Protein backbone atom coordinates (compact mmCIF):
# COMPACT_ATOMS: atom_id res chain seq x y z
CA VAL A 1 -29.15 -64.51 -8.89
CA GLU A 2 -30.13 -60.95 -7.96
CA GLU A 3 -32.86 -62.14 -5.57
CA ALA A 4 -30.53 -64.80 -4.20
CA ASN A 5 -28.07 -61.84 -3.24
CA ARG A 6 -30.62 -59.96 -1.73
CA GLN A 7 -31.61 -63.03 0.40
CA LEU A 8 -28.05 -63.56 1.62
CA ALA A 9 -27.65 -59.75 2.23
CA ALA A 10 -30.67 -59.99 4.57
CA ALA A 11 -29.31 -62.92 6.30
CA ARG A 12 -26.02 -61.18 6.94
CA GLY A 13 -27.92 -58.42 8.75
CA GLU A 14 -28.10 -55.85 6.15
CA TYR A 15 -30.95 -53.76 5.34
CA VAL A 16 -32.92 -55.05 2.10
CA GLU A 17 -35.86 -53.12 1.00
CA GLY A 18 -38.88 -55.37 0.60
CA ILE A 19 -37.14 -58.15 3.07
CA SER A 20 -36.00 -56.10 6.02
CA ASP A 21 -38.51 -54.51 8.35
CA PRO A 22 -38.02 -50.62 8.18
CA ASN A 23 -39.75 -50.22 11.66
CA ASP A 24 -37.00 -52.37 13.21
CA PRO A 25 -35.24 -49.82 15.88
CA LYS A 26 -32.02 -51.10 14.58
CA TRP A 27 -32.53 -49.45 11.24
CA VAL A 28 -33.32 -45.98 12.73
CA LYS A 29 -30.45 -43.98 13.22
CA THR A 30 -30.12 -40.67 15.14
CA GLU A 31 -27.63 -38.04 14.62
CA THR A 32 -25.72 -39.08 17.67
CA SER A 33 -25.80 -42.71 16.98
CA GLN A 34 -22.59 -44.54 16.23
CA PRO A 35 -21.85 -47.87 14.84
CA THR A 36 -21.02 -50.64 17.32
CA THR A 37 -19.01 -52.76 15.20
CA GLU A 38 -16.79 -51.98 12.06
CA PRO A 39 -17.93 -53.84 8.96
CA GLU A 40 -15.62 -56.28 7.32
CA LEU A 41 -14.14 -54.69 4.48
CA VAL A 42 -14.45 -57.71 2.17
CA LYS A 43 -17.12 -60.28 2.60
CA ASN A 44 -17.44 -63.88 1.04
CA VAL A 45 -20.85 -64.28 -0.05
CA GLY A 46 -20.17 -67.91 -1.52
CA ASN A 47 -19.80 -69.37 -4.97
CA GLY A 48 -16.68 -67.45 -5.34
CA ILE A 49 -18.57 -64.06 -5.17
CA PHE A 50 -17.17 -61.40 -2.74
CA ASP A 51 -18.90 -58.36 -1.57
CA VAL A 52 -16.42 -55.25 -1.65
CA SER A 53 -19.09 -52.46 -1.21
CA ALA A 54 -17.70 -51.76 2.36
CA LEU A 55 -14.22 -51.71 1.08
CA MET A 56 -15.32 -48.95 -1.58
CA GLN A 57 -17.52 -46.63 0.76
CA ASN A 58 -14.73 -44.47 1.77
CA SER A 59 -13.31 -44.17 -1.85
CA SER A 60 -13.43 -40.57 -3.30
CA THR A 61 -14.15 -41.79 -6.78
CA HIS A 62 -16.96 -44.10 -5.88
CA GLY A 63 -20.49 -43.54 -4.36
CA THR A 64 -21.61 -45.17 -1.07
CA GLU A 65 -23.04 -48.64 -0.46
CA THR A 66 -26.66 -49.15 -0.41
CA ASN A 67 -26.91 -49.52 3.40
CA LEU A 68 -25.57 -46.08 3.96
CA GLU A 69 -28.13 -44.80 1.28
CA ILE A 70 -30.98 -46.03 3.46
CA THR A 71 -29.42 -44.83 6.50
CA SER A 72 -29.32 -41.43 5.04
CA ASN A 73 -32.73 -41.56 3.82
CA VAL A 74 -34.05 -42.47 7.23
CA GLN A 75 -32.48 -39.35 8.39
CA VAL A 76 -34.18 -37.53 5.71
CA GLN A 77 -37.49 -38.77 6.67
CA GLU A 78 -37.10 -37.83 10.40
CA ALA A 79 -36.29 -34.24 9.35
CA ASP A 80 -38.49 -33.48 6.46
CA SER A 81 -40.64 -36.69 5.47
CA ASP A 82 -39.08 -36.32 2.15
CA GLU A 83 -38.78 -39.60 0.32
CA LYS A 84 -36.49 -38.29 -2.43
CA GLN A 85 -33.09 -39.94 -2.72
CA ALA A 86 -30.14 -37.93 -1.48
CA GLY A 87 -28.11 -38.90 -4.55
CA ASP A 88 -30.59 -37.47 -7.16
CA ALA A 89 -27.87 -34.94 -8.49
CA VAL A 90 -25.63 -37.86 -9.58
CA GLN A 91 -26.64 -38.97 -13.08
CA ALA A 92 -27.03 -42.75 -13.73
CA GLY A 93 -23.92 -44.59 -14.21
CA GLU A 94 -21.60 -41.75 -13.09
CA GLY A 95 -20.82 -43.66 -9.91
CA ASP A 96 -21.01 -47.31 -11.12
CA LEU A 97 -18.91 -49.67 -9.19
CA GLY A 98 -19.08 -52.42 -11.77
CA THR A 99 -21.18 -54.62 -9.29
CA GLY A 100 -24.58 -54.21 -11.07
CA LYS A 101 -25.77 -51.58 -8.67
CA GLU A 102 -26.18 -47.83 -9.43
CA ALA A 103 -24.11 -46.05 -7.08
CA VAL A 104 -25.43 -42.70 -5.43
CA THR A 105 -23.32 -39.99 -3.57
CA VAL A 106 -24.83 -39.56 -0.03
CA GLU A 107 -23.79 -38.08 3.12
CA ASN A 108 -22.78 -40.72 5.63
CA GLN A 109 -24.60 -39.82 8.86
CA ASN A 110 -21.75 -41.45 11.06
CA GLN A 111 -19.18 -39.19 9.12
CA ALA A 112 -21.10 -35.79 9.21
CA GLU A 113 -18.35 -33.73 10.90
CA THR A 114 -15.84 -34.60 8.26
CA HIS A 115 -18.09 -34.43 5.09
CA GLN A 116 -20.79 -32.00 5.89
CA ASN A 117 -19.78 -29.98 2.85
CA ASN A 118 -20.05 -32.78 0.37
CA ASP A 119 -21.14 -31.03 -2.87
CA SER A 120 -22.63 -34.40 -4.17
CA VAL A 121 -25.89 -33.79 -1.78
CA SER A 122 -28.95 -32.84 -3.75
CA GLN A 123 -29.87 -29.38 -3.47
CA SER A 124 -33.61 -30.42 -3.41
CA GLU A 125 -33.00 -31.44 0.24
CA PRO A 126 -31.89 -28.25 1.91
CA GLU A 127 -33.84 -28.99 5.12
CA ALA A 128 -31.95 -32.41 5.59
CA GLN A 129 -28.61 -30.61 5.40
CA GLN A 130 -29.82 -28.79 8.69
CA ASN A 131 -29.32 -31.88 10.47
CA VAL A 132 -25.67 -31.79 9.78
CA PRO A 133 -23.41 -29.82 12.15
CA GLU A 134 -22.26 -26.51 10.70
CA SER A 135 -18.63 -26.48 10.07
CA LYS A 136 -16.16 -23.55 10.89
CA GLN A 137 -16.06 -20.92 8.20
CA GLU A 138 -12.86 -21.14 6.42
CA GLU A 139 -10.76 -17.91 6.25
CA PRO A 140 -11.06 -16.36 2.65
CA GLU A 141 -8.32 -17.35 0.40
CA ALA A 142 -5.50 -14.58 -0.65
CA ALA A 143 -5.93 -13.05 -3.85
CA TRP A 144 -2.58 -14.54 -4.91
CA PRO A 145 -1.20 -17.83 -3.81
CA GLU A 146 1.97 -17.84 -1.63
CA TYR A 147 3.43 -20.56 -3.67
CA PHE A 148 2.91 -20.53 -7.42
CA GLU A 149 2.46 -23.76 -9.11
CA PRO A 150 3.94 -24.24 -12.56
CA GLY A 151 1.52 -22.32 -14.94
CA ARG A 152 0.37 -19.46 -16.56
CA TYR A 153 -0.85 -16.36 -14.52
CA GLU A 154 -2.57 -13.34 -15.75
CA GLY A 155 -2.80 -9.94 -13.71
CA VAL A 156 -0.22 -10.76 -11.08
CA PRO A 157 0.94 -7.43 -9.65
CA ASN A 158 4.61 -6.56 -9.96
CA GLU A 159 5.18 -6.54 -6.19
CA VAL A 160 3.66 -9.99 -6.03
CA TYR A 161 5.62 -11.62 -9.02
CA HIS A 162 8.93 -10.13 -7.79
CA ALA A 163 8.42 -11.82 -4.38
CA ALA A 164 7.14 -15.13 -5.76
CA ASN A 165 8.97 -18.37 -5.89
CA GLY A 166 11.25 -19.47 -8.77
CA ILE A 167 14.51 -17.90 -10.11
CA SER A 168 13.86 -15.22 -12.65
CA SER A 169 15.99 -14.25 -15.77
CA THR A 170 17.23 -11.29 -13.84
CA GLN A 171 18.53 -13.53 -10.92
CA VAL A 172 20.16 -15.72 -13.57
CA LYS A 173 21.94 -12.46 -14.68
CA ASP A 174 23.07 -12.05 -11.09
CA ALA A 175 24.59 -15.33 -10.91
CA ARG A 176 26.46 -14.60 -14.11
CA VAL A 177 28.10 -11.76 -12.19
CA SER A 178 29.20 -14.08 -9.79
CA LEU A 179 27.73 -16.84 -7.34
CA MET A 180 29.02 -14.92 -4.44
CA TYR A 181 26.80 -11.69 -5.68
CA TYR A 182 23.97 -13.99 -6.17
CA GLU A 183 24.15 -15.47 -2.78
CA GLY A 184 24.41 -12.04 -1.16
CA LEU A 185 21.63 -10.67 -3.04
CA HIS A 186 19.06 -13.53 -3.17
CA VAL A 187 20.13 -15.89 -0.52
CA SER A 188 21.47 -14.39 2.74
CA LYS A 189 20.44 -10.85 1.41
CA THR A 190 23.54 -9.19 2.62
CA ILE A 191 23.50 -6.98 -0.38
CA SER A 192 20.61 -4.57 -1.43
CA ARG A 193 19.56 -3.84 -4.78
CA GLN A 194 19.53 0.06 -4.62
CA ASP A 195 16.87 1.78 -6.83
CA ASN A 196 18.16 4.51 -9.13
CA PRO A 197 16.55 6.97 -11.61
CA ALA A 198 17.41 4.69 -14.67
CA PHE A 199 15.55 1.86 -12.97
CA ILE A 200 12.45 4.08 -12.14
CA PHE A 201 12.60 5.60 -15.75
CA GLY A 202 12.68 2.09 -17.21
CA ARG A 203 9.60 0.95 -14.93
CA ALA A 204 7.60 4.03 -15.62
CA THR A 205 8.13 3.61 -19.27
CA HIS A 206 7.25 0.10 -19.60
CA SER A 207 4.04 0.99 -17.44
CA PHE A 208 3.02 3.93 -19.66
CA VAL A 209 3.64 2.22 -23.06
CA LEU A 210 2.58 -1.37 -22.29
CA GLU A 211 -0.01 -0.74 -19.40
CA PRO A 212 -1.33 2.81 -19.71
CA GLY A 213 -4.37 2.03 -17.78
CA ASN A 214 -2.43 1.21 -14.69
CA PHE A 215 0.10 4.14 -14.95
CA SER A 216 -2.04 6.58 -12.86
CA GLU A 217 -2.51 3.84 -10.07
CA ASP A 218 1.40 3.21 -9.98
CA TYR A 219 2.98 6.69 -10.52
CA ALA A 220 2.13 10.28 -9.58
CA LEU A 221 3.42 13.48 -10.71
CA PRO A 222 4.34 16.42 -8.34
CA GLU A 223 1.49 19.21 -8.40
CA LYS A 224 2.13 22.75 -8.64
CA MET A 225 1.70 24.23 -5.24
CA PRO A 226 -1.34 26.73 -5.10
CA GLU A 227 -0.40 30.38 -4.84
CA ASP A 228 -2.31 30.77 -1.56
CA VAL A 229 -0.05 28.01 0.34
CA VAL A 230 2.15 29.81 2.84
CA SER A 231 5.59 28.77 2.32
CA THR A 232 8.19 31.52 3.56
CA ALA A 233 8.61 33.56 6.35
CA GLY A 234 7.62 36.62 4.36
CA ASP A 235 4.42 35.20 3.60
CA MET A 236 3.63 34.66 7.08
CA VAL A 237 4.76 38.47 8.11
CA ALA A 238 2.50 39.56 5.39
CA LEU A 239 -0.58 37.63 6.96
CA ILE A 240 0.14 38.84 10.32
CA LYS A 241 0.31 42.47 9.21
CA GLU A 242 -2.77 42.16 7.36
CA TYR A 243 -4.52 40.93 10.45
CA ASN A 244 -2.89 43.64 12.65
CA ALA A 245 -4.12 46.42 10.27
CA ASN A 246 -7.93 45.16 10.55
CA LEU A 247 -7.74 45.24 14.38
CA PRO A 248 -9.49 48.12 16.19
CA ALA A 249 -6.94 50.85 17.08
CA LEU A 250 -5.57 50.59 20.63
CA MET A 251 -5.24 53.92 22.66
CA THR A 252 -1.59 54.78 23.21
CA PRO A 253 -0.43 55.48 26.65
CA GLU A 254 -0.10 58.94 25.85
CA GLU A 255 -3.81 58.96 24.49
CA LEU A 256 -4.77 57.36 27.96
CA LYS A 257 -2.77 60.13 29.65
CA ALA A 258 -4.66 62.76 27.95
CA TRP A 259 -7.95 61.26 28.74
CA ILE A 260 -7.10 61.28 32.33
CA GLU A 261 -5.94 64.73 32.35
CA GLU A 262 -8.95 65.90 30.61
CA TYR A 263 -10.89 64.21 33.45
CA ASN A 264 -8.79 65.64 36.15
CA SER A 265 -9.50 69.13 34.76
CA ASN A 266 -13.04 68.93 35.61
CA LEU A 267 -12.37 68.23 39.06
CA THR A 268 -11.58 70.52 42.16
CA PRO A 269 -7.88 70.16 42.92
CA PRO A 270 -6.83 69.71 46.43
CA LEU A 271 -5.36 72.45 48.47
CA PRO A 272 -1.57 71.93 49.10
CA LEU A 273 -0.54 71.12 52.81
CA ASN A 274 3.07 71.69 52.15
CA ALA A 275 3.12 75.65 52.15
CA SER A 276 3.98 78.50 54.22
CA ALA A 277 2.02 79.67 57.20
CA ASP A 278 0.46 82.51 55.30
CA GLU A 279 -0.50 80.24 52.49
CA ILE A 280 -1.89 77.53 54.90
CA ALA A 281 -4.06 80.47 56.55
CA ASN A 282 -5.38 81.73 53.05
CA SER A 283 -6.25 78.01 52.23
CA TYR A 284 -8.00 77.66 55.51
CA MET A 285 -10.00 80.80 54.91
CA SER A 286 -10.95 79.60 51.62
CA LEU A 287 -12.52 76.36 52.82
CA PRO A 288 -16.35 76.05 52.82
CA GLU A 289 -17.69 77.13 56.36
CA GLU A 290 -18.56 73.56 57.23
CA PHE A 291 -14.75 72.59 57.15
CA GLN A 292 -13.74 75.79 59.08
CA ARG A 293 -13.95 74.18 62.33
CA ILE A 294 -11.39 76.40 64.44
CA PRO A 295 -13.72 78.09 66.97
CA ASP A 296 -13.54 81.96 67.02
CA GLU A 297 -12.18 82.20 70.29
CA ALA A 298 -9.39 79.76 69.83
CA LYS A 299 -6.01 80.75 68.36
CA PRO A 300 -5.69 79.14 64.73
CA THR A 301 -2.49 77.14 64.64
CA ALA A 302 -1.00 75.76 61.52
CA THR A 303 -1.62 72.20 62.52
CA ALA A 304 -5.36 72.84 63.40
CA MET A 305 -5.71 74.60 59.78
CA LYS A 306 -4.05 71.61 57.99
CA ALA A 307 -6.36 69.13 59.82
CA CYS A 308 -9.38 71.10 58.37
CA ILE A 309 -7.57 71.32 54.98
CA LYS A 310 -6.80 67.54 55.01
CA GLU A 311 -10.71 66.91 55.86
CA TYR A 312 -11.70 69.04 52.85
CA ASN A 313 -9.41 67.30 50.64
CA SER A 314 -10.69 63.96 51.46
CA SER A 315 -14.23 64.79 50.58
CA LEU A 316 -13.05 66.00 47.09
CA GLU A 317 -13.16 63.38 43.88
CA PRO A 318 -9.67 62.02 43.82
CA MET A 319 -7.43 62.95 41.01
CA LEU A 320 -6.22 59.98 38.67
CA LYS A 321 -2.54 59.29 38.36
CA THR A 322 -1.23 60.00 34.78
CA SER A 323 2.17 57.93 35.31
CA GLY A 324 2.65 54.22 34.74
CA THR A 325 2.16 51.44 32.09
CA ARG A 326 -0.73 51.14 29.75
CA ASP A 327 -2.42 48.62 31.87
CA GLN A 328 -1.81 50.83 35.13
CA LEU A 329 -3.30 53.80 33.34
CA LEU A 330 -6.14 51.80 32.49
CA ASP A 331 -6.82 50.49 36.08
CA GLN A 332 -6.97 54.28 37.11
CA ILE A 333 -9.41 54.92 34.21
CA ALA A 334 -11.48 51.91 35.25
CA THR A 335 -12.16 53.39 38.85
CA VAL A 336 -14.24 56.19 37.30
CA ALA A 337 -15.16 54.73 33.82
CA PRO A 338 -15.19 50.99 33.94
CA GLU A 339 -17.04 50.18 30.87
CA PHE A 340 -14.54 52.45 28.75
CA ALA A 341 -11.49 50.63 30.44
CA GLU A 342 -12.99 47.25 29.84
CA GLN A 343 -13.84 47.99 26.10
CA GLU A 344 -10.25 49.11 25.67
CA ARG A 345 -8.98 45.90 27.26
CA ALA A 346 -11.20 43.92 25.10
CA LYS A 347 -9.14 45.07 21.82
CA PHE A 348 -6.53 42.52 20.66
CA ILE A 349 -3.31 43.52 20.91
CA PRO A 350 -1.49 43.26 17.56
CA TYR A 351 0.81 40.31 17.11
CA ASN A 352 4.60 40.67 16.75
CA ILE A 353 5.88 40.30 13.29
CA SER A 354 9.41 39.31 14.31
CA GLY A 355 10.70 35.78 15.48
CA THR A 356 11.63 32.62 14.32
CA LYS A 357 9.64 30.69 11.25
CA GLU A 358 8.04 28.32 13.91
CA GLN A 359 7.04 31.40 15.97
CA LEU A 360 5.44 33.20 13.05
CA ALA A 361 3.73 29.94 11.82
CA GLU A 362 2.22 29.35 15.38
CA ILE A 363 0.85 33.30 15.18
CA VAL A 364 -0.46 32.40 11.89
CA ARG A 365 -2.13 29.25 12.78
CA ALA A 366 -3.94 31.14 15.60
CA ILE A 367 -5.45 33.97 13.37
CA CYS A 368 -5.89 32.07 10.10
CA PRO A 369 -7.06 28.49 11.10
CA ASP A 370 -7.85 27.85 7.51
CA VAL A 371 -4.47 28.62 6.03
CA VAL A 372 -2.30 25.87 4.45
CA PHE A 373 1.28 25.72 4.85
CA ALA A 374 3.69 24.32 2.48
CA ASP A 375 4.83 21.47 4.82
CA ASP A 376 1.13 20.47 5.32
CA TRP A 377 0.41 20.72 1.58
CA HIS A 378 3.44 18.27 0.90
CA LYS A 379 2.18 15.89 3.55
CA GLN A 380 -1.32 15.99 2.03
CA GLN A 381 0.05 15.27 -1.27
CA GLU A 382 2.19 12.19 0.01
CA ALA A 383 -0.94 10.83 1.66
CA ALA A 384 -3.14 11.20 -1.42
CA ASN A 385 -0.18 9.53 -3.57
CA ALA A 386 0.75 6.86 -0.90
CA GLY A 387 1.59 3.67 -2.54
CA LYS A 388 2.74 5.44 -5.83
CA GLU A 389 5.99 6.14 -7.10
CA MET A 390 6.76 9.87 -7.66
CA ILE A 391 8.41 10.90 -10.86
CA SER A 392 9.24 14.52 -12.09
CA ASN A 393 7.37 16.36 -14.68
CA GLU A 394 10.59 16.27 -16.91
CA MET A 395 10.74 12.52 -16.72
CA TYR A 396 7.02 12.19 -17.73
CA GLY A 397 7.32 14.43 -20.47
CA LEU A 398 10.43 12.25 -21.83
CA ILE A 399 8.19 9.32 -21.32
CA LYS A 400 5.31 10.60 -23.57
CA ASN A 401 7.60 11.52 -26.28
CA ILE A 402 9.28 7.98 -26.37
CA ASN A 403 5.78 6.75 -26.50
CA ASP A 404 5.02 9.02 -29.28
CA ALA A 405 7.98 7.86 -31.22
CA LEU A 406 6.96 4.12 -30.58
CA GLN A 407 3.51 4.76 -32.05
CA ALA A 408 5.03 6.55 -34.91
CA ASN A 409 7.28 3.37 -35.91
CA LYS A 410 5.15 1.04 -38.06
CA ASP A 411 6.88 -2.22 -36.76
CA ALA A 412 6.75 -1.22 -33.08
CA SER A 413 3.19 -0.09 -33.17
CA ARG A 414 2.17 -3.31 -35.08
CA LEU A 415 3.57 -5.22 -32.06
CA LEU A 416 2.16 -2.65 -29.26
CA ASN A 417 -1.12 -2.29 -30.96
CA HIS A 418 -1.84 -6.00 -31.98
CA PRO A 419 -5.36 -7.14 -30.80
CA ALA A 420 -3.85 -10.29 -29.61
CA ARG A 421 -1.20 -8.82 -27.43
CA GLN A 422 -0.97 -9.39 -23.67
CA SER A 423 1.38 -7.64 -21.33
CA GLU A 424 3.21 -8.78 -18.04
CA VAL A 425 1.72 -12.14 -18.26
CA SER A 426 3.40 -14.44 -15.27
CA TYR A 427 5.01 -17.95 -16.36
CA PHE A 428 5.96 -20.51 -13.62
CA GLY A 429 7.67 -23.78 -14.29
CA LEU A 430 10.70 -26.15 -13.49
CA ASP A 431 13.86 -26.39 -15.31
CA GLU A 432 13.86 -29.69 -16.91
CA GLU A 433 17.74 -30.45 -16.10
CA THR A 434 18.12 -29.22 -12.59
CA GLY A 435 14.40 -28.95 -11.31
CA LEU A 436 14.93 -25.55 -10.11
CA GLU A 437 11.76 -23.41 -10.06
CA VAL A 438 11.96 -20.87 -12.76
CA ARG A 439 9.83 -17.77 -13.56
CA VAL A 440 9.35 -15.41 -16.49
CA ARG A 441 7.49 -12.14 -17.27
CA PRO A 442 7.62 -11.16 -20.78
CA ASP A 443 6.71 -7.45 -21.86
CA ILE A 444 4.60 -8.60 -24.71
CA GLU A 445 3.40 -11.66 -25.90
CA ILE A 446 1.10 -12.27 -29.15
CA ARG A 447 -0.34 -15.92 -29.76
CA LEU A 448 -1.27 -16.45 -33.24
CA PRO A 449 -2.53 -19.72 -34.90
CA TYR A 450 0.81 -20.26 -36.75
CA GLU A 451 3.26 -18.84 -34.27
CA SER A 452 3.78 -17.16 -30.67
CA ILE A 453 5.74 -14.03 -30.63
CA CYS A 454 7.40 -12.55 -27.52
CA ALA A 455 8.70 -9.06 -27.56
CA ASP A 456 10.72 -6.85 -24.95
CA LEU A 457 10.66 -3.14 -24.88
CA LYS A 458 14.25 -1.60 -24.25
CA THR A 459 15.34 1.79 -23.82
CA VAL A 460 18.82 2.77 -24.60
CA SER A 461 21.22 5.72 -24.82
CA LEU A 462 23.12 5.70 -27.87
CA GLY A 463 22.53 9.18 -29.06
CA TYR A 464 26.19 9.90 -30.37
CA VAL A 465 26.90 6.76 -32.25
CA ARG A 466 27.31 6.66 -36.16
CA GLN A 467 24.85 4.95 -37.84
CA ASP A 468 27.16 2.38 -39.55
CA LYS A 469 28.12 1.51 -36.12
CA LEU A 470 24.86 1.14 -34.45
CA LYS A 471 23.94 -2.41 -35.23
CA ASP A 472 27.37 -3.52 -33.58
CA ARG A 473 26.44 -1.17 -30.46
CA LEU A 474 23.01 -2.82 -30.39
CA HIS A 475 24.62 -6.24 -30.55
CA ARG A 476 26.97 -5.30 -27.83
CA GLU A 477 23.98 -4.18 -25.63
CA ILE A 478 22.16 -7.48 -26.03
CA ILE A 479 25.48 -9.48 -25.09
CA ASP A 480 26.54 -7.32 -22.32
CA HIS A 481 23.18 -7.01 -20.77
CA ASP A 482 22.41 -10.76 -21.26
CA TYR A 483 19.25 -9.77 -23.09
CA HIS A 484 19.70 -13.00 -25.25
CA LEU A 485 19.65 -15.00 -21.97
CA SER A 486 16.40 -13.53 -20.96
CA ALA A 487 14.92 -14.13 -24.47
CA ALA A 488 15.78 -17.71 -24.40
CA MET A 489 14.31 -18.29 -20.85
CA TYR A 490 11.08 -16.39 -21.91
CA CYS A 491 10.80 -18.60 -25.08
CA ASP A 492 11.30 -21.76 -23.22
CA ILE A 493 9.41 -21.39 -20.11
CA ALA A 494 6.42 -19.49 -21.74
CA GLY A 495 6.37 -21.60 -24.70
CA LEU A 496 7.08 -18.90 -27.33
CA ASP A 497 8.43 -19.44 -30.64
CA LYS A 498 10.05 -15.85 -31.76
CA PHE A 499 11.61 -13.21 -29.77
CA THR A 500 11.88 -9.50 -30.83
CA TRP A 501 13.56 -6.42 -29.03
CA ILE A 502 11.91 -2.92 -29.38
CA PHE A 503 14.72 -0.64 -28.95
CA VAL A 504 14.13 3.02 -28.43
CA ASN A 505 16.67 5.69 -27.73
CA LYS A 506 16.03 7.71 -24.70
CA ASP A 507 18.21 10.80 -25.42
CA PRO A 508 15.90 13.80 -25.24
CA GLY A 509 14.73 14.95 -28.73
CA TYR A 510 16.29 11.89 -30.50
CA HIS A 511 13.97 8.96 -30.14
CA TRP A 512 14.66 6.60 -32.94
CA VAL A 513 13.33 3.33 -32.86
CA VAL A 514 14.15 -0.04 -34.27
CA VAL A 515 12.82 -3.56 -34.02
CA VAL A 516 15.46 -6.52 -33.61
CA ASP A 517 14.58 -10.17 -34.18
CA ALA A 518 16.44 -12.64 -32.15
CA SER A 519 18.20 -15.22 -34.29
CA PRO A 520 17.94 -18.83 -33.41
CA MET A 521 21.65 -19.10 -32.89
CA LEU A 522 21.33 -16.12 -30.62
CA LEU A 523 18.53 -17.67 -28.65
CA GLU A 524 20.78 -20.96 -28.61
CA LEU A 525 23.57 -19.09 -27.11
CA GLY A 526 21.40 -17.60 -24.48
CA ARG A 527 19.52 -21.07 -23.63
CA LYS A 528 23.02 -22.65 -23.11
CA GLU A 529 24.35 -19.80 -21.15
CA TYR A 530 21.35 -19.56 -18.78
CA ARG A 531 21.27 -23.36 -18.28
CA ARG A 532 24.96 -23.28 -17.30
CA ALA A 533 24.13 -20.77 -14.72
CA LEU A 534 21.21 -22.80 -13.46
CA ARG A 535 23.43 -25.74 -13.01
CA GLN A 536 25.97 -23.63 -11.19
CA ILE A 537 23.28 -22.09 -8.93
CA GLU A 538 21.90 -25.76 -8.25
CA GLU A 539 25.51 -27.00 -7.45
CA ALA A 540 26.21 -24.10 -4.93
CA MET A 541 22.80 -24.88 -3.29
CA GLU A 542 23.77 -28.36 -2.84
CA THR A 543 27.45 -27.70 -1.55
CA GLY A 544 26.97 -24.35 0.09
CA TYR A 545 29.86 -23.12 -1.71
CA TRP A 546 29.07 -19.63 -3.51
CA PRO A 547 32.45 -18.81 -5.20
CA ALA A 548 33.95 -15.29 -5.86
CA PRO A 549 34.30 -13.93 -9.47
CA ILE A 550 38.04 -14.86 -9.42
CA THR A 551 39.26 -17.54 -7.01
CA GLU A 552 42.80 -18.06 -8.30
CA THR A 553 45.99 -16.13 -8.37
CA TYR A 554 46.91 -15.16 -12.13
CA THR A 555 49.37 -13.33 -14.31
CA ASP A 556 48.19 -10.40 -16.19
CA GLU A 557 49.28 -10.48 -19.85
CA LEU A 558 49.36 -7.93 -22.58
CA ASN A 559 46.27 -8.13 -24.97
CA ASP A 560 46.60 -7.70 -28.70
CA TYR A 561 46.60 -4.14 -28.65
CA ASP A 562 49.17 -3.87 -26.10
CA THR A 563 51.38 -6.24 -27.65
CA ARG A 564 51.20 -4.10 -30.85
CA ARG A 565 52.15 -1.11 -28.89
CA LEU A 566 55.20 -2.77 -27.42
CA GLU A 567 56.36 -3.86 -30.68
CA ALA A 568 55.86 -0.36 -32.23
CA LEU A 569 57.80 1.06 -29.21
CA GLY A 570 60.69 -1.57 -29.71
CA ALA A 571 61.02 -0.74 -33.27
CA GLU A 572 61.84 2.95 -32.53
């Protein structure tokens, strides 16, 4: 029968090894060759037998048919003369089509561009792969998906989780405030949730207690400013004064005048021209002979004598002026002692120690380029702590004390230090009743062979509460803050059996710790309440109606306490 089928296949024009001529040009395929006709998907080969190999060749769960295998082998022979089958990587029977032929996974040459990365191609033929056109390299996938499918995810960063798809238990609590509030906060985003010190403290405490290895990556403490950092105007003035004190001393105008006067004292002073006739005559007679130019036979007039005196005065070294500013006095000195004047001019003038803080800072930057100002230091700290949340040293000390109290409590420390503990694991799912996407992120989960435990760390401020009333107050904390609702969501979505709260009082110096288990009835109450809230959210999404917390006019009535007061007053 098998030989008859081979004969029929050869008669139909198919390549059959041992019957067809392998050198026939029609069996040699090139990379650019295309099939001229589309094969029939189902062929009747007679005797009630149908060939469905063409129908199955594009199936992702089946191998290719024999004629494609041969075509691929011809390509390999041209490239490498390697006679190995391209489907060697597939084990026998793995791709069996139920036709009695062993299927092999190969690369269809005519579909090279769409299947060039087929993982089924044997790694023993790397050179054959070179005949396949290279595909465009895909962009690397993001570390976390934009859309989270239902499932369990470890290590999701806080910012990624809070921006992910799905309704969280916190959002369900927002819907219980009112659907109008939920819509403004999460749909239209007209309401912004303001951060406050309580939220920051809670986040930092969770990080320090549950993920201490990540605390330094997410939070920063203010460092003490170094003593040499300049922060005040007084610091700047002190630096300027210190700089001025180390400058070479400048000659004062008085000292420059004294220098000029001493210089002038060594010069011959000019004879006065504005004097009496007798004084002019005496001055003329005191002139050196070469300046006494009036002939003996001529009458010496005052004008002639003054001319001779003036000529004499011009021959003398000029006297320097002793009046003017410091620069003007230096100009005078430069005419007779240029090096001395230049040396004096090269000296730095002391800086002014008065002015605005900005002016003083500019001077300090000029004279002390390595100095660090307080503003610059703060900017450096901001850059070094970019992306981290700043907390005070006081808050950090309080968090450490709380952690010490938790570790000292045997029940809390057993949960916190359990070897199977995992923290901040994210779960995404679908609410079975509404189909809404939901997500939870328990603080602690411990999965044991006999049960799965979930725990949540809560800080409270119940410092001045009598111990006999404390359990009631803790119950009110659970109900008023919808902690039981979150607990039910955590158990349902994460598939956990038991829920526990770890309460720690955060009042400074009074850090009592108590571990509280959620009863099945408390979880059931939370379950019914969160599912009702999800139904309300779904209805609001469908109708577009997000009602306010109170939608109808009502009459305010007396409560029991006020009724008793009324009765007491009426009895007076």
